[in-house]
Amino acid sequence: MTVHPYRPMSVRFADQHLTEPLLRALDRTGPGGLLIADPDSGEYRLTHARYLTTQTREVIVYGLGDLHHDLETYSLILPRERVWPTVTATADQLAHACLAQDPWEPIRPRPRTALAALRRAMRQAGFALLRRPLFHDRGEVGRLDDVYLDTRDPATVVTVATPYPDPDMPDGAIFTWVTRHGSYLRGWHTPTDQRHDLPQVIRTLVRAHLASDT
């Protein structure tokens, strides 16, 4: 039997690139649109948060929020005809840098069932994944930040930071914070064994804040 050597995602995708047509398709997809590195096909492709799975090892490398942030930034400093080519080059660099991070693909990856379930519950509560996840290395267990757009109130953005790769680590906690129009509203810690209620807790908080503004 032939044993194939382990090849990290960064190596397998070294000759793949994000393109302007792919980014324009992401823009048309709207909230929940994501670009992923698909280890099965060996290519970057467009998907939606509703299609993320629990068992496969696709890596989110760029989101609609990342695209809009980069478009707005470069539109302020570059001639119009250079904006999309520059954003495309920037997005491609971010994607490769993301894949170069160790935590995305350990040699024996664990199914990300708990994280996928939380993302699915957030989507069902009306929150769409907005940007690529950000990983913060804190030793044996890191922290993964998911950023969501409130599709019922697009001025509201929610960040959910979970322990990674094991959201159910003993004594672990999920840190959540909410902003509206870029201003901080509230942040709090939730024990990981209570994460199932988190989407509705966030929805209740946002609803109460909106009611107080009217």
Protein backbone atom coordinates (compact mmCIF):
# COMPACT_ATOMS: atom_id res chain seq x y z
CA MET A 1 0.00 0.00 0.00
CA THR A 2 1.31 3.42 -0.97
CA VAL A 3 1.38 5.93 1.89
CA HIS A 4 1.02 9.46 0.65
CA PRO A 5 2.91 12.11 2.63
CA TYR A 6 0.91 14.70 4.53
CA ARG A 7 0.55 17.90 2.49
CA PRO A 8 -0.69 20.99 4.36
CA MET A 9 -3.50 23.06 2.86
CA SER A 10 -1.06 25.90 2.18
CA VAL A 11 0.98 23.57 -0.05
CA ARG A 12 -1.99 22.03 -1.84
CA PHE A 13 -3.40 25.48 -2.67
CA ALA A 14 -0.10 27.14 -3.54
CA ASP A 15 -1.02 27.34 -7.24
CA GLN A 16 -4.66 28.38 -6.65
CA HIS A 17 -5.77 32.03 -6.60
CA LEU A 18 -8.83 34.10 -5.85
CA THR A 19 -9.97 35.90 -8.99
CA GLU A 20 -11.95 39.06 -9.68
CA PRO A 21 -14.91 37.13 -11.18
CA LEU A 22 -15.04 35.00 -8.03
CA LEU A 23 -15.04 38.11 -5.83
CA ARG A 24 -17.75 39.75 -7.95
CA ALA A 25 -19.84 36.60 -7.60
CA LEU A 26 -19.34 36.82 -3.82
CA ASP A 27 -20.60 40.41 -3.93
CA ARG A 28 -23.75 39.31 -5.77
CA THR A 29 -24.41 36.49 -3.29
CA GLY A 30 -25.06 38.87 -0.39
CA PRO A 31 -25.00 38.15 3.38
CA GLY A 32 -23.82 34.62 4.12
CA GLY A 33 -21.69 34.47 0.98
CA LEU A 34 -18.26 32.95 1.62
CA LEU A 35 -15.17 31.90 -0.31
CA ILE A 36 -13.70 28.63 0.89
CA ALA A 37 -10.72 26.42 0.20
CA ASP A 38 -12.25 23.04 -0.64
CA PRO A 39 -9.79 20.20 0.11
CA ASP A 40 -11.86 17.74 -1.93
CA SER A 41 -11.60 19.69 -5.19
CA GLY A 42 -8.32 21.41 -4.36
CA GLU A 43 -9.79 24.75 -5.44
CA TYR A 44 -11.22 27.95 -4.01
CA ARG A 45 -14.96 28.19 -4.54
CA LEU A 46 -17.99 30.26 -3.65
CA THR A 47 -20.54 28.94 -1.17
CA HIS A 48 -23.09 30.14 1.37
CA ALA A 49 -23.00 29.68 5.13
CA ARG A 50 -26.07 27.44 4.92
CA TYR A 51 -24.01 24.85 3.05
CA LEU A 52 -21.13 24.53 5.51
CA THR A 53 -20.82 20.98 6.77
CA THR A 54 -19.69 19.39 10.01
CA GLN A 55 -17.38 16.70 8.70
CA THR A 56 -15.47 18.16 5.77
CA ARG A 57 -12.43 20.35 6.24
CA GLU A 58 -13.29 23.33 4.08
CA VAL A 59 -11.65 26.52 5.28
CA ILE A 60 -13.37 29.90 5.06
CA VAL A 61 -10.80 32.29 3.57
CA TYR A 62 -12.85 35.39 2.69
CA GLY A 63 -16.35 36.73 3.31
CA LEU A 64 -18.71 39.40 2.06
CA GLY A 65 -17.73 41.67 4.96
CA ASP A 66 -14.04 41.31 4.11
CA LEU A 67 -14.81 42.26 0.50
CA HIS A 68 -16.85 45.34 1.39
CA HIS A 69 -14.22 46.48 3.90
CA ASP A 70 -11.46 46.19 1.30
CA LEU A 71 -13.53 47.85 -1.44
CA GLU A 72 -14.35 50.80 0.82
CA THR A 73 -10.73 51.15 1.97
CA TYR A 74 -9.14 51.08 -1.48
CA SER A 75 -11.85 53.28 -3.01
CA LEU A 76 -10.60 56.07 -0.74
CA ILE A 77 -6.99 55.89 -1.88
CA LEU A 78 -6.90 54.48 -5.42
CA PRO A 79 -8.27 55.46 -8.85
CA ARG A 80 -11.51 53.65 -9.63
CA GLU A 81 -9.99 51.35 -12.26
CA ARG A 82 -7.42 50.01 -9.79
CA VAL A 83 -9.78 49.19 -6.93
CA TRP A 84 -11.00 45.73 -7.95
CA PRO A 85 -7.58 44.46 -9.13
CA THR A 86 -6.02 45.63 -5.85
CA VAL A 87 -8.79 44.11 -3.74
CA THR A 88 -8.40 40.83 -5.65
CA ALA A 89 -4.66 40.73 -4.96
CA THR A 90 -5.24 41.55 -1.30
CA ALA A 91 -7.92 38.87 -0.93
CA ASP A 92 -5.65 36.29 -2.54
CA GLN A 93 -2.83 37.11 -0.11
CA LEU A 94 -5.24 36.84 2.85
CA ALA A 95 -6.47 33.47 1.65
CA HIS A 96 -2.96 32.04 1.40
CA ALA A 97 -2.02 33.52 4.78
CA CYS A 98 -5.12 31.95 6.30
CA LEU A 99 -4.23 28.50 4.97
CA ALA A 100 -0.69 28.85 6.32
CA GLN A 101 -2.01 28.89 9.89
CA ASP A 102 -1.55 25.55 11.63
CA PRO A 103 -4.90 25.26 13.47
CA TRP A 104 -7.00 24.95 10.34
CA GLU A 105 -5.78 21.49 9.49
CA PRO A 106 -4.13 19.42 12.20
CA ILE A 107 -2.75 16.11 10.96
CA ARG A 108 -5.65 14.30 12.64
CA PRO A 109 -8.46 16.83 12.33
CA ARG A 110 -11.44 16.52 14.64
CA PRO A 111 -14.95 16.95 13.26
CA ARG A 112 -16.08 20.52 14.00
CA THR A 113 -19.57 19.42 14.96
CA ALA A 114 -20.05 21.79 17.90
CA LEU A 115 -18.83 24.83 15.96
CA ALA A 116 -20.96 23.93 12.94
CA ALA A 117 -24.03 23.50 15.17
CA LEU A 118 -23.51 26.95 16.69
CA ARG A 119 -23.10 28.52 13.25
CA ARG A 120 -26.27 26.80 12.06
CA ALA A 121 -28.23 28.02 15.10
CA MET A 122 -26.96 31.57 14.54
CA ARG A 123 -28.10 31.42 10.90
CA GLN A 124 -31.53 30.15 11.93
CA ALA A 125 -31.80 33.10 14.34
CA GLY A 126 -31.13 35.53 11.47
CA PHE A 127 -27.37 36.06 11.76
CA ALA A 128 -25.24 35.52 8.63
CA LEU A 129 -21.50 34.80 8.72
CA LEU A 130 -19.89 37.98 7.47
CA ARG A 131 -16.10 37.61 7.49
CA ARG A 132 -13.42 34.96 7.50
CA PRO A 133 -12.83 33.52 10.99
CA LEU A 134 -9.93 35.00 12.92
CA PHE A 135 -7.76 32.62 14.93
CA HIS A 136 -5.92 33.77 18.06
CA ASP A 137 -3.20 31.46 19.32
CA ARG A 138 -3.33 30.97 23.09
CA GLY A 139 -1.28 27.78 23.34
CA GLU A 140 -2.88 24.34 23.32
CA VAL A 141 -6.38 25.73 22.86
CA GLY A 142 -6.81 28.86 20.76
CA ARG A 143 -9.76 31.14 20.12
CA LEU A 144 -11.79 31.40 16.95
CA ASP A 145 -13.76 34.59 16.25
CA ASP A 146 -16.81 34.35 13.96
CA VAL A 147 -18.35 37.65 12.82
CA TYR A 148 -22.04 37.76 11.94
CA LEU A 149 -24.32 40.32 10.32
CA ASP A 150 -27.82 40.66 11.74
CA THR A 151 -29.92 40.23 8.58
CA ARG A 152 -32.94 41.73 10.38
CA ASP A 153 -30.97 44.84 11.33
CA PRO A 154 -27.87 45.13 9.08
CA ALA A 155 -26.43 47.91 11.24
CA THR A 156 -25.82 45.28 13.94
CA VAL A 157 -22.74 43.05 13.92
CA VAL A 158 -22.11 40.21 16.38
CA THR A 159 -18.76 38.56 17.14
CA VAL A 160 -18.75 35.12 18.80
CA ALA A 161 -15.37 33.92 20.09
CA THR A 162 -15.21 30.19 20.86
CA PRO A 163 -12.40 27.96 22.16
CA TYR A 164 -10.75 26.15 19.23
CA PRO A 165 -10.53 23.36 18.24
CA ASP A 166 -12.65 22.12 21.16
CA PRO A 167 -15.64 24.35 22.03
CA ASP A 168 -16.54 21.95 24.86
CA MET A 169 -13.26 22.17 26.75
CA PRO A 170 -13.68 22.02 30.56
CA ASP A 171 -14.26 25.43 32.12
CA GLY A 172 -14.36 26.97 28.66
CA ALA A 173 -16.40 30.05 27.85
CA ILE A 174 -17.68 31.78 24.73
CA PHE A 175 -17.17 35.54 24.60
CA THR A 176 -19.74 37.52 22.61
CA TRP A 177 -19.88 41.20 21.81
CA VAL A 178 -22.35 43.26 19.81
CA THR A 179 -21.85 46.52 17.91
CA ARG A 180 -24.32 48.74 16.06
CA HIS A 181 -23.22 51.31 13.50
CA GLY A 182 -19.70 50.47 14.66
CA SER A 183 -20.37 51.40 18.29
CA TYR A 184 -19.98 48.85 21.08
CA LEU A 185 -23.25 47.82 22.75
CA ARG A 186 -22.45 44.96 25.08
CA GLY A 187 -20.15 41.99 25.69
CA TRP A 188 -20.45 38.94 27.93
CA HIS A 189 -19.16 35.43 28.62
CA THR A 190 -21.30 32.30 28.21
CA PRO A 191 -20.28 28.86 29.60
CA THR A 192 -19.79 26.49 26.68
CA ASP A 193 -22.45 24.11 27.98
CA GLN A 194 -24.98 26.95 27.54
CA ARG A 195 -24.00 27.78 23.95
CA HIS A 196 -27.24 26.27 22.60
CA ASP A 197 -29.18 29.24 24.01
CA LEU A 198 -26.72 31.88 22.80
CA PRO A 199 -28.38 32.79 19.45
CA GLN A 200 -31.70 33.55 21.14
CA VAL A 201 -29.95 35.47 23.93
CA ILE A 202 -28.31 37.65 21.27
CA ARG A 203 -31.60 38.08 19.39
CA THR A 204 -33.40 39.12 22.58
CA LEU A 205 -30.68 41.65 23.42
CA VAL A 206 -30.73 43.21 19.94
CA ARG A 207 -34.53 43.35 19.93
CA ALA A 208 -34.55 45.08 23.32
CA HIS A 209 -31.94 47.60 22.22
CA LEU A 210 -33.86 48.45 19.05
CA ALA A 211 -37.06 48.87 21.06
CA SER A 212 -35.32 51.28 23.43
CA ASP A 213 -34.19 53.40 20.46
CA THR A 214 -37.70 53.89 19.12
